[in-house]
């Protein structure tokens, strides 16, 4: 009896730890429509390299090579930092600023889920 309980406890703990690791390493949920429109202006993109993926900054060509486990989290972190500096919400519009802080695009915020996403992901 005790052996069976111990065995099932070990299995349950392994599943729980695996689930927590998976949840922690996965990127955050994004509102697809608005995120897709913002990505066009983001200076970061992924490039496939031998051994995984690299994050390239279009502005200066700087390349980061995080581990395969961390690449999507690091990309989210970089895009979030960029958004805090180059994205501005005015009313129901998201304004994307260029390098000289001039407006280069405007995206209409369609609903509260998109507004909440902008607040949560970019902090704006």
C-alpha atoms as a PDB file:
ATOM      1  CA  UNK A   1       0.000   0.000   0.000  1.00  0.00           C
ATOM      2  CA  UNK A   2       2.617   2.514   1.017  1.00  0.00           C
ATOM      3  CA  UNK A   3       4.767   1.585  -2.011  1.00  0.00           C
ATOM      4  CA  UNK A   4       1.840   2.250  -4.388  1.00  0.00           C
ATOM      5  CA  UNK A   5       1.082   5.610  -2.773  1.00  0.00           C
ATOM      6  CA  UNK A   6       4.736   6.595  -2.915  1.00  0.00           C
ATOM      7  CA  UNK A   7       4.972   5.531  -6.580  1.00  0.00           C
ATOM      8  CA  UNK A   8       1.854   7.493  -7.588  1.00  0.00           C
ATOM      9  CA  UNK A   9       3.061  10.493  -5.574  1.00  0.00           C
ATOM     10  CA  UNK A  10       6.367  10.512  -7.484  1.00  0.00           C
ATOM     11  CA  UNK A  11       4.515  10.301 -10.822  1.00  0.00           C
ATOM     12  CA  UNK A  12       2.123  13.113  -9.842  1.00  0.00           C
ATOM     13  CA  UNK A  13       5.037  15.314  -8.712  1.00  0.00           C
ATOM     14  CA  UNK A  14       6.879  14.674 -12.003  1.00  0.00           C
ATOM     15  CA  UNK A  15       3.791  15.661 -14.032  1.00  0.00           C
ATOM     16  CA  UNK A  16       3.269  18.765 -11.920  1.00  0.00           C
ATOM     17  CA  UNK A  17       6.900  19.875 -12.284  1.00  0.00           C
ATOM     18  CA  UNK A  18       6.802  19.197 -16.031  1.00  0.00           C
ATOM     19  CA  UNK A  19       3.610  21.206 -16.441  1.00  0.00           C
ATOM     20  CA  UNK A  20       5.040  24.114 -14.437  1.00  0.00           C
ATOM     21  CA  UNK A  21       8.236  24.096 -16.547  1.00  0.00           C
ATOM     22  CA  UNK A  22       6.200  24.050 -19.768  1.00  0.00           C
ATOM     23  CA  UNK A  23       3.982  26.896 -18.583  1.00  0.00           C
ATOM     24  CA  UNK A  24       6.990  28.964 -17.511  1.00  0.00           C
ATOM     25  CA  UNK A  25       8.886  28.533 -20.786  1.00  0.00           C
ATOM     26  CA  UNK A  26       5.966  29.263 -23.112  1.00  0.00           C
ATOM     27  CA  UNK A  27       5.449  32.808 -24.407  1.00  0.00           C
ATOM     28  CA  UNK A  28       2.502  34.848 -23.173  1.00  0.00           C
ATOM     29  CA  UNK A  29      -0.840  34.890 -25.010  1.00  0.00           C
ATOM     30  CA  UNK A  30      -1.192  37.655 -27.571  1.00  0.00           C
ATOM     31  CA  UNK A  31      -4.228  39.174 -29.246  1.00  0.00           C
ATOM     32  CA  UNK A  32      -3.585  37.959 -32.769  1.00  0.00           C
ATOM     33  CA  UNK A  33      -5.014  40.803 -34.875  1.00  0.00           C
ATOM     34  CA  UNK A  34      -3.305  43.722 -33.167  1.00  0.00           C
ATOM     35  CA  UNK A  35      -0.073  41.855 -32.438  1.00  0.00           C
ATOM     36  CA  UNK A  36       0.239  40.870 -36.104  1.00  0.00           C
ATOM     37  CA  UNK A  37      -0.127  44.530 -37.137  1.00  0.00           C
ATOM     38  CA  UNK A  38       2.420  45.697 -34.537  1.00  0.00           C
ATOM     39  CA  UNK A  39       4.949  42.984 -35.558  1.00  0.00           C
ATOM     40  CA  UNK A  40       5.295  44.659 -38.974  1.00  0.00           C
ATOM     41  CA  UNK A  41       6.984  47.618 -37.245  1.00  0.00           C
ATOM     42  CA  UNK A  42       8.928  45.699 -34.591  1.00  0.00           C
ATOM     43  CA  UNK A  43      12.701  45.881 -35.062  1.00  0.00           C
ATOM     44  CA  UNK A  44      13.169  42.251 -33.982  1.00  0.00           C
ATOM     45  CA  UNK A  45      12.890  39.106 -36.060  1.00  0.00           C
ATOM     46  CA  UNK A  46      13.953  35.489 -35.786  1.00  0.00           C
ATOM     47  CA  UNK A  47      16.611  33.980 -38.006  1.00  0.00           C
ATOM     48  CA  UNK A  48      17.251  30.272 -38.262  1.00  0.00           C
ATOM     49  CA  UNK A  49      20.872  29.402 -37.551  1.00  0.00           C
ATOM     50  CA  UNK A  50      22.743  26.184 -37.050  1.00  0.00           C
ATOM     51  CA  UNK A  51      21.729  24.985 -33.634  1.00  0.00           C
ATOM     52  CA  UNK A  52      18.500  26.933 -33.225  1.00  0.00           C
ATOM     53  CA  UNK A  53      17.206  30.477 -33.649  1.00  0.00           C
ATOM     54  CA  UNK A  54      18.790  33.902 -33.278  1.00  0.00           C
ATOM     55  CA  UNK A  55      17.034  37.202 -32.558  1.00  0.00           C
ATOM     56  CA  UNK A  56      18.176  39.966 -34.913  1.00  0.00           C
ATOM     57  CA  UNK A  57      17.682  43.695 -34.311  1.00  0.00           C
ATOM     58  CA  UNK A  58      16.972  45.370 -37.692  1.00  0.00           C
ATOM     59  CA  UNK A  59      18.214  48.736 -36.433  1.00  0.00           C
ATOM     60  CA  UNK A  60      21.842  47.789 -35.809  1.00  0.00           C
ATOM     61  CA  UNK A  61      22.122  44.151 -36.880  1.00  0.00           C
ATOM     62  CA  UNK A  62      22.831  43.017 -33.324  1.00  0.00           C
ATOM     63  CA  UNK A  63      22.290  39.290 -32.919  1.00  0.00           C
ATOM     64  CA  UNK A  64      21.293  37.441 -29.752  1.00  0.00           C
ATOM     65  CA  UNK A  65      21.514  33.676 -29.510  1.00  0.00           C
ATOM     66  CA  UNK A  66      19.517  32.569 -26.470  1.00  0.00           C
ATOM     67  CA  UNK A  67      19.027  28.871 -25.821  1.00  0.00           C
ATOM     68  CA  UNK A  68      16.204  27.143 -27.673  1.00  0.00           C
ATOM     69  CA  UNK A  69      14.227  27.025 -24.437  1.00  0.00           C
ATOM     70  CA  UNK A  70      14.533  30.788 -23.883  1.00  0.00           C
ATOM     71  CA  UNK A  71      14.329  32.232 -27.418  1.00  0.00           C
ATOM     72  CA  UNK A  72      10.581  32.992 -27.438  1.00  0.00           C
ATOM     73  CA  UNK A  73      10.644  34.416 -23.912  1.00  0.00           C
ATOM     74  CA  UNK A  74      13.598  36.649 -24.807  1.00  0.00           C
ATOM     75  CA  UNK A  75      11.858  37.827 -27.996  1.00  0.00           C
ATOM     76  CA  UNK A  76       8.768  38.715 -25.927  1.00  0.00           C
ATOM     77  CA  UNK A  77      10.979  40.590 -23.461  1.00  0.00           C
ATOM     78  CA  UNK A  78      12.704  42.602 -26.218  1.00  0.00           C
ATOM     79  CA  UNK A  79       9.413  43.432 -27.957  1.00  0.00           C
ATOM     80  CA  UNK A  80       7.867  44.496 -24.668  1.00  0.00           C
ATOM     81  CA  UNK A  81      10.784  46.859 -23.964  1.00  0.00           C
ATOM     82  CA  UNK A  82      10.549  48.259 -27.494  1.00  0.00           C
ATOM     83  CA  UNK A  83       6.782  48.768 -27.128  1.00  0.00           C
ATOM     84  CA  UNK A  84       7.140  50.771 -23.925  1.00  0.00           C
ATOM     85  CA  UNK A  85       9.280  53.258 -25.815  1.00  0.00           C
ATOM     86  CA  UNK A  86       7.733  53.305 -29.301  1.00  0.00           C
ATOM     87  CA  UNK A  87       4.012  52.629 -28.782  1.00  0.00           C
ATOM     88  CA  UNK A  88       1.496  55.185 -27.513  1.00  0.00           C
ATOM     89  CA  UNK A  89      -2.241  54.770 -26.924  1.00  0.00           C
ATOM     90  CA  UNK A  90      -4.434  57.786 -27.657  1.00  0.00           C
ATOM     91  CA  UNK A  91      -8.134  57.137 -27.261  1.00  0.00           C
ATOM     92  CA  UNK A  92      -8.978  54.111 -29.392  1.00  0.00           C
ATOM     93  CA  UNK A  93      -5.808  54.276 -31.472  1.00  0.00           C
ATOM     94  CA  UNK A  94      -2.383  52.796 -31.031  1.00  0.00           C
ATOM     95  CA  UNK A  95       0.321  55.044 -32.449  1.00  0.00           C
ATOM     96  CA  UNK A  96       3.599  53.485 -33.530  1.00  0.00           C
ATOM     97  CA  UNK A  97       6.546  55.852 -33.337  1.00  0.00           C
ATOM     98  CA  UNK A  98       9.710  55.721 -35.437  1.00  0.00           C
ATOM     99  CA  UNK A  99      13.305  56.224 -34.356  1.00  0.00           C
ATOM    100  CA  UNK A 100      12.894  60.024 -34.284  1.00  0.00           C
ATOM    101  CA  UNK A 101       9.662  59.696 -32.257  1.00  0.00           C
ATOM    102  CA  UNK A 102       7.542  60.630 -35.280  1.00  0.00           C
ATOM    103  CA  UNK A 103       4.263  58.813 -35.896  1.00  0.00           C
ATOM    104  CA  UNK A 104       4.710  56.153 -38.594  1.00  0.00           C
ATOM    105  CA  UNK A 105       1.447  54.206 -38.197  1.00  0.00           C
ATOM    106  CA  UNK A 106      -1.882  54.167 -36.403  1.00  0.00           C
ATOM    107  CA  UNK A 107      -3.793  51.022 -35.499  1.00  0.00           C
ATOM    108  CA  UNK A 108      -7.394  51.073 -34.316  1.00  0.00           C
ATOM    109  CA  UNK A 109      -8.009  49.266 -31.014  1.00  0.00           C
ATOM    110  CA  UNK A 110     -11.171  47.260 -31.677  1.00  0.00           C
ATOM    111  CA  UNK A 111     -12.109  45.988 -28.210  1.00  0.00           C
ATOM    112  CA  UNK A 112     -11.204  45.821 -24.538  1.00  0.00           C
ATOM    113  CA  UNK A 113      -9.292  42.538 -24.952  1.00  0.00           C
ATOM    114  CA  UNK A 114      -6.843  44.292 -27.282  1.00  0.00           C
ATOM    115  CA  UNK A 115      -6.538  47.224 -24.884  1.00  0.00           C
ATOM    116  CA  UNK A 116      -5.900  44.817 -21.982  1.00  0.00           C
ATOM    117  CA  UNK A 117      -3.282  42.997 -24.074  1.00  0.00           C
ATOM    118  CA  UNK A 118      -1.468  46.272 -24.799  1.00  0.00           C
ATOM    119  CA  UNK A 119      -1.475  47.079 -21.088  1.00  0.00           C
ATOM    120  CA  UNK A 120      -0.333  43.603 -20.027  1.00  0.00           C
ATOM    121  CA  UNK A 121       2.290  42.913 -22.710  1.00  0.00           C
ATOM    122  CA  UNK A 122       3.705  46.366 -23.484  1.00  0.00           C
ATOM    123  CA  UNK A 123       2.798  48.172 -20.274  1.00  0.00           C
ATOM    124  CA  UNK A 124       1.110  51.043 -22.130  1.00  0.00           C
END
